[in-house]
Every structure is written in C-alpha cells, then in structure tokens.
C-alpha cells in the first residue's frame, strides 16, 4: 500500500458513518467486482482483529463525486485513514491481510 496523495480529510459526512477510534479502512467497491468481495472479507477480518479499526465500504457508482474528488480509478481501492480522517495509505486491487495490517501501522 502506498502513501496517500489526496489532500484533505474524510469524516462521517463523506463516509456515512463515524471514523474508527484508531484508524478507518475505506473500501471503494462496485457491484460486479469479484476482487471487491474478497477485499471485503480481508478488511472485515483485520477490523475485527485490531481494536479501534473500522471498515467502511462505499459503492463507487453511488458516490461518483467522492470517487472523482479522491481520484479513485478502479475497484477495489482501499484507503487507510488516521483518526483525523487523513489518508495515510492507498492501494488499488485486492490487498493481502499482512499488507493491510502493515499499512495500519502508518495510521495508528
């Protein structure tokens, strides 16, 4: 997972839910994306494993303004946000659990 490039912060207004106490994993998905399903499982597992980490899934087709603002080019794309909602890591494609856990280190 690479460092984030989009400036600004994301919060409950953009995500539709509150940020995690320690970090938030934001997943942009689309309805017919097979890797998105596997990514959902990986991120849910990590969020359950690491206290204070939330997992939020956003339908990219239903949030086109946000997708454009964040320059999301494909699904799945995962953003790791710190407690302030700043993007600290980003990855496109299906991540491995170990990579997600390592990326959380930049946010926690």
N, C-alpha and C. Protein backbone atom coordinates (compact mmCIF):
# COMPACT_ATOMS: atom_id res chain seq x y z
N UNK A 1 0.86 -1.17 0.00
CA UNK A 1 0.00 0.00 0.00
C UNK A 1 0.90 1.23 0.00
N UNK A 2 0.57 2.20 -0.83
CA UNK A 2 1.42 3.38 -0.93
C UNK A 2 0.83 4.55 -0.16
N UNK A 3 1.64 5.54 0.08
CA UNK A 3 1.18 6.72 0.81
C UNK A 3 0.12 7.45 0.01
N UNK A 4 -0.81 8.05 0.74
CA UNK A 4 -1.91 8.78 0.11
C UNK A 4 -1.44 10.03 -0.60
N UNK A 5 -2.21 10.43 -1.61
CA UNK A 5 -1.88 11.61 -2.37
C UNK A 5 -2.97 12.67 -2.25
N UNK A 6 -4.21 12.26 -2.03
CA UNK A 6 -5.30 13.21 -1.96
C UNK A 6 -5.23 13.97 -0.64
N UNK A 7 -5.32 15.29 -0.72
CA UNK A 7 -5.28 16.10 0.49
C UNK A 7 -6.63 16.11 1.18
N UNK A 8 -6.69 16.83 2.27
CA UNK A 8 -7.95 16.96 2.98
C UNK A 8 -8.23 15.80 3.89
N UNK A 9 -9.45 15.83 4.43
CA UNK A 9 -9.86 14.80 5.39
C UNK A 9 -11.22 14.27 5.02
N UNK A 10 -11.46 13.05 5.41
CA UNK A 10 -12.77 12.43 5.24
C UNK A 10 -13.37 12.23 6.62
N UNK A 11 -14.65 12.45 6.73
CA UNK A 11 -15.33 12.26 8.01
C UNK A 11 -16.66 11.58 7.81
N UNK A 12 -17.49 11.64 8.84
CA UNK A 12 -18.79 10.97 8.81
C UNK A 12 -19.66 11.46 7.66
N UNK A 13 -19.57 12.73 7.32
CA UNK A 13 -20.39 13.28 6.24
C UNK A 13 -20.08 12.60 4.91
N UNK A 14 -18.82 12.37 4.63
CA UNK A 14 -18.42 11.75 3.37
C UNK A 14 -18.58 10.23 3.41
N UNK A 15 -18.31 9.63 4.57
CA UNK A 15 -18.30 8.18 4.68
C UNK A 15 -19.65 7.58 5.05
N UNK A 16 -20.52 8.38 5.60
CA UNK A 16 -21.82 7.86 6.03
C UNK A 16 -21.79 7.17 7.37
N UNK A 17 -20.66 7.22 8.06
CA UNK A 17 -20.51 6.62 9.38
C UNK A 17 -19.32 7.27 10.07
N UNK A 18 -19.21 7.05 11.35
CA UNK A 18 -18.11 7.64 12.12
C UNK A 18 -16.79 6.93 11.81
N UNK A 19 -15.70 7.66 11.99
CA UNK A 19 -14.36 7.09 11.85
C UNK A 19 -14.09 6.12 13.00
N UNK A 20 -13.17 5.19 12.77
CA UNK A 20 -12.73 4.30 13.83
C UNK A 20 -11.95 5.07 14.89
N UNK A 21 -11.89 4.53 16.10
CA UNK A 21 -11.17 5.19 17.19
C UNK A 21 -9.67 5.30 16.91
N UNK A 22 -9.12 4.34 16.17
CA UNK A 22 -7.67 4.34 15.90
C UNK A 22 -7.35 4.52 14.43
N UNK A 23 -8.19 3.97 13.55
CA UNK A 23 -7.97 4.07 12.10
C UNK A 23 -9.24 3.60 11.40
N UNK A 24 -9.36 3.94 10.12
CA UNK A 24 -10.50 3.52 9.32
C UNK A 24 -10.01 2.98 7.99
N UNK A 25 -10.53 1.83 7.61
CA UNK A 25 -10.26 1.23 6.30
C UNK A 25 -11.46 1.54 5.41
N UNK A 26 -11.25 2.32 4.37
CA UNK A 26 -12.33 2.70 3.46
C UNK A 26 -12.13 1.94 2.15
N UNK A 27 -13.15 1.16 1.80
CA UNK A 27 -13.09 0.34 0.59
C UNK A 27 -14.08 0.87 -0.43
N UNK A 28 -13.59 1.21 -1.63
CA UNK A 28 -14.45 1.58 -2.74
C UNK A 28 -14.66 0.34 -3.60
N UNK A 29 -15.93 -0.02 -3.78
CA UNK A 29 -16.30 -1.24 -4.48
C UNK A 29 -17.32 -0.95 -5.57
N UNK A 30 -17.54 -1.94 -6.42
CA UNK A 30 -18.62 -1.89 -7.40
C UNK A 30 -19.35 -3.22 -7.38
N UNK A 31 -20.56 -3.22 -7.86
CA UNK A 31 -21.47 -4.36 -7.70
C UNK A 31 -20.94 -5.67 -8.27
N UNK A 32 -20.33 -5.63 -9.43
CA UNK A 32 -19.92 -6.87 -10.09
C UNK A 32 -18.43 -7.15 -9.99
N UNK A 33 -17.79 -6.56 -9.00
CA UNK A 33 -16.35 -6.69 -8.82
C UNK A 33 -16.04 -7.90 -7.93
N UNK A 34 -15.51 -8.96 -8.51
CA UNK A 34 -15.17 -10.16 -7.74
C UNK A 34 -14.08 -9.90 -6.70
N UNK A 35 -12.98 -9.19 -7.04
CA UNK A 35 -11.97 -8.90 -6.03
C UNK A 35 -12.51 -8.05 -4.87
N UNK A 36 -13.58 -7.29 -5.11
CA UNK A 36 -14.17 -6.48 -4.04
C UNK A 36 -14.72 -7.35 -2.93
N UNK A 37 -15.30 -8.48 -3.29
CA UNK A 37 -15.85 -9.40 -2.28
C UNK A 37 -14.74 -9.96 -1.40
N UNK A 38 -13.66 -10.37 -2.02
CA UNK A 38 -12.53 -10.90 -1.26
C UNK A 38 -11.90 -9.80 -0.39
N UNK A 39 -11.82 -8.59 -0.93
CA UNK A 39 -11.28 -7.47 -0.17
C UNK A 39 -12.15 -7.18 1.04
N UNK A 40 -13.46 -7.24 0.86
CA UNK A 40 -14.39 -7.02 1.97
C UNK A 40 -14.10 -7.99 3.12
N UNK A 41 -13.87 -9.25 2.79
CA UNK A 41 -13.56 -10.26 3.83
C UNK A 41 -12.25 -9.95 4.53
N UNK A 42 -11.22 -9.60 3.76
CA UNK A 42 -9.90 -9.29 4.35
C UNK A 42 -10.01 -8.10 5.30
N UNK A 43 -10.66 -7.03 4.85
CA UNK A 43 -10.75 -5.82 5.66
C UNK A 43 -11.62 -6.04 6.90
N UNK A 44 -12.70 -6.79 6.75
CA UNK A 44 -13.54 -7.10 7.90
C UNK A 44 -12.76 -7.92 8.93
N UNK A 45 -11.96 -8.87 8.46
CA UNK A 45 -11.12 -9.67 9.35
C UNK A 45 -10.13 -8.79 10.11
N UNK A 46 -9.48 -7.88 9.40
CA UNK A 46 -8.49 -7.01 10.03
C UNK A 46 -9.17 -6.08 11.04
N UNK A 47 -10.32 -5.53 10.66
CA UNK A 47 -11.05 -4.62 11.57
C UNK A 47 -11.48 -5.37 12.84
N UNK A 48 -11.83 -6.64 12.70
CA UNK A 48 -12.21 -7.43 13.88
C UNK A 48 -10.99 -7.78 14.72
N UNK A 49 -9.84 -7.90 14.09
CA UNK A 49 -8.60 -8.30 14.76
C UNK A 49 -7.94 -7.14 15.51
N UNK A 50 -8.02 -5.94 14.96
CA UNK A 50 -7.32 -4.79 15.53
C UNK A 50 -8.34 -3.86 16.20
N UNK A 51 -8.28 -3.74 17.52
CA UNK A 51 -9.23 -2.88 18.24
C UNK A 51 -9.17 -1.43 17.76
N UNK A 52 -10.34 -0.81 17.62
CA UNK A 52 -10.40 0.59 17.24
C UNK A 52 -10.32 0.87 15.76
N UNK A 53 -10.29 -0.19 14.95
CA UNK A 53 -10.23 -0.02 13.50
C UNK A 53 -11.61 -0.31 12.91
N UNK A 54 -12.10 0.62 12.10
CA UNK A 54 -13.40 0.47 11.44
C UNK A 54 -13.19 0.15 9.97
N UNK A 55 -14.15 -0.58 9.39
CA UNK A 55 -14.15 -0.87 7.96
C UNK A 55 -15.42 -0.27 7.37
N UNK A 56 -15.25 0.57 6.35
CA UNK A 56 -16.37 1.21 5.68
C UNK A 56 -16.28 0.86 4.20
N UNK A 57 -17.38 0.35 3.65
CA UNK A 57 -17.41 0.04 2.22
C UNK A 57 -18.32 1.04 1.52
N UNK A 58 -17.82 1.62 0.44
CA UNK A 58 -18.57 2.62 -0.32
C UNK A 58 -18.78 2.11 -1.73
N UNK A 59 -20.02 2.18 -2.20
CA UNK A 59 -20.35 1.83 -3.58
C UNK A 59 -19.85 2.95 -4.48
N UNK A 60 -18.84 2.67 -5.27
CA UNK A 60 -18.21 3.69 -6.11
C UNK A 60 -19.21 4.31 -7.09
N UNK A 61 -20.12 3.50 -7.61
CA UNK A 61 -21.09 4.02 -8.58
C UNK A 61 -22.08 4.97 -7.93
N UNK A 62 -22.34 4.79 -6.65
CA UNK A 62 -23.28 5.64 -5.94
C UNK A 62 -22.63 6.87 -5.31
N UNK A 63 -21.33 6.98 -5.40
CA UNK A 63 -20.61 8.10 -4.79
C UNK A 63 -19.62 8.69 -5.78
N UNK A 64 -20.10 8.97 -6.99
CA UNK A 64 -19.19 9.41 -8.06
C UNK A 64 -18.47 10.71 -7.75
N UNK A 65 -19.12 11.65 -7.06
CA UNK A 65 -18.44 12.90 -6.71
C UNK A 65 -17.23 12.63 -5.81
N UNK A 66 -17.42 11.76 -4.82
CA UNK A 66 -16.33 11.42 -3.91
C UNK A 66 -15.24 10.64 -4.66
N UNK A 67 -15.63 9.72 -5.52
CA UNK A 67 -14.67 8.94 -6.32
C UNK A 67 -13.81 9.88 -7.16
N UNK A 68 -14.44 10.85 -7.79
CA UNK A 68 -13.69 11.80 -8.62
C UNK A 68 -12.78 12.67 -7.77
N UNK A 69 -13.30 13.15 -6.64
CA UNK A 69 -12.51 14.03 -5.78
C UNK A 69 -11.27 13.32 -5.24
N UNK A 70 -11.39 12.02 -4.97
CA UNK A 70 -10.27 11.24 -4.42
C UNK A 70 -9.43 10.57 -5.50
N UNK A 71 -9.83 10.74 -6.75
CA UNK A 71 -9.12 10.13 -7.88
C UNK A 71 -9.05 8.61 -7.76
N UNK A 72 -10.20 8.01 -7.47
CA UNK A 72 -10.30 6.55 -7.43
C UNK A 72 -10.46 6.08 -8.86
N UNK A 73 -9.52 5.28 -9.36
CA UNK A 73 -9.51 4.85 -10.76
C UNK A 73 -10.08 3.47 -10.99
N UNK A 74 -10.10 2.64 -9.95
CA UNK A 74 -10.58 1.26 -10.12
C UNK A 74 -11.07 0.72 -8.79
N UNK A 75 -11.80 -0.36 -8.88
CA UNK A 75 -12.27 -1.04 -7.67
C UNK A 75 -11.68 -2.44 -7.64
N UNK A 76 -11.36 -2.94 -6.47
CA UNK A 76 -11.41 -2.22 -5.21
C UNK A 76 -10.22 -1.28 -5.03
N UNK A 77 -10.48 -0.17 -4.38
CA UNK A 77 -9.44 0.71 -3.88
C UNK A 77 -9.65 0.86 -2.39
N UNK A 78 -8.58 0.74 -1.62
CA UNK A 78 -8.66 0.83 -0.16
C UNK A 78 -7.84 2.03 0.30
N UNK A 79 -8.47 2.85 1.14
CA UNK A 79 -7.79 3.97 1.78
C UNK A 79 -7.65 3.64 3.26
N UNK A 80 -6.50 3.95 3.83
CA UNK A 80 -6.30 3.84 5.28
C UNK A 80 -6.29 5.26 5.81
N UNK A 81 -7.24 5.55 6.71
CA UNK A 81 -7.36 6.87 7.30
C UNK A 81 -6.90 6.84 8.74
N UNK A 82 -6.27 7.93 9.18
CA UNK A 82 -5.90 8.05 10.59
C UNK A 82 -7.12 8.55 11.38
N UNK A 83 -6.95 8.83 12.64
CA UNK A 83 -8.08 9.23 13.50
C UNK A 83 -8.68 10.57 13.09
N UNK A 84 -7.92 11.37 12.35
CA UNK A 84 -8.41 12.68 11.89
C UNK A 84 -9.06 12.59 10.52
N UNK A 85 -9.07 11.39 9.91
CA UNK A 85 -9.66 11.22 8.59
C UNK A 85 -8.72 11.54 7.45
N UNK A 86 -7.44 11.66 7.75
CA UNK A 86 -6.43 11.89 6.70
C UNK A 86 -6.02 10.57 6.08
N UNK A 87 -5.89 10.57 4.78
CA UNK A 87 -5.43 9.38 4.06
C UNK A 87 -3.94 9.20 4.29
N UNK A 88 -3.55 8.05 4.84
CA UNK A 88 -2.13 7.78 5.07
C UNK A 88 -1.60 6.67 4.16
N UNK A 89 -2.49 5.86 3.62
CA UNK A 89 -2.09 4.82 2.66
C UNK A 89 -3.25 4.58 1.70
N UNK A 90 -2.90 4.07 0.51
CA UNK A 90 -3.88 3.76 -0.53
C UNK A 90 -3.38 2.57 -1.33
N UNK A 91 -4.30 1.71 -1.71
CA UNK A 91 -3.94 0.58 -2.58
C UNK A 91 -5.11 0.26 -3.49
N UNK A 92 -4.79 -0.05 -4.74
CA UNK A 92 -5.81 -0.49 -5.69
C UNK A 92 -5.61 -1.99 -5.91
N UNK A 93 -6.71 -2.69 -6.06
CA UNK A 93 -6.64 -4.14 -6.22
C UNK A 93 -6.83 -4.83 -4.88
N UNK A 94 -6.88 -6.13 -4.93
CA UNK A 94 -7.13 -6.93 -3.73
C UNK A 94 -5.89 -7.00 -2.85
N UNK A 95 -5.98 -6.48 -1.61
CA UNK A 95 -4.80 -6.48 -0.73
C UNK A 95 -4.66 -7.80 0.02
N UNK A 96 -3.47 -8.08 0.46
CA UNK A 96 -3.24 -9.21 1.36
C UNK A 96 -3.42 -8.73 2.80
N UNK A 97 -3.86 -9.61 3.65
CA UNK A 97 -4.11 -9.25 5.05
C UNK A 97 -2.86 -8.67 5.70
N UNK A 98 -1.71 -9.27 5.45
CA UNK A 98 -0.46 -8.78 6.05
C UNK A 98 -0.14 -7.36 5.60
N UNK A 99 -0.43 -7.03 4.33
CA UNK A 99 -0.19 -5.68 3.83
C UNK A 99 -1.11 -4.66 4.49
N UNK A 100 -2.37 -5.05 4.72
CA UNK A 100 -3.32 -4.14 5.38
C UNK A 100 -2.87 -3.88 6.81
N UNK A 101 -2.47 -4.92 7.51
CA UNK A 101 -2.01 -4.76 8.90
C UNK A 101 -0.77 -3.86 8.93
N UNK A 102 0.15 -4.07 8.01
CA UNK A 102 1.35 -3.23 7.95
C UNK A 102 0.99 -1.79 7.65
N UNK A 103 0.03 -1.56 6.74
CA UNK A 103 -0.37 -0.21 6.40
C UNK A 103 -1.04 0.50 7.55
N UNK A 104 -1.71 -0.25 8.41
CA UNK A 104 -2.32 0.35 9.59
C UNK A 104 -1.29 0.97 10.53
N UNK A 105 -0.08 0.43 10.48
CA UNK A 105 1.00 0.98 11.31
C UNK A 105 1.26 2.45 11.03
N UNK A 106 0.99 2.91 9.81
CA UNK A 106 1.18 4.31 9.47
C UNK A 106 0.08 5.19 10.04
N UNK A 107 -1.06 4.58 10.34
CA UNK A 107 -2.21 5.35 10.84
C UNK A 107 -2.35 5.32 12.34
N UNK A 108 -1.85 4.26 12.95
CA UNK A 108 -2.05 4.06 14.40
C UNK A 108 -0.86 4.60 15.18
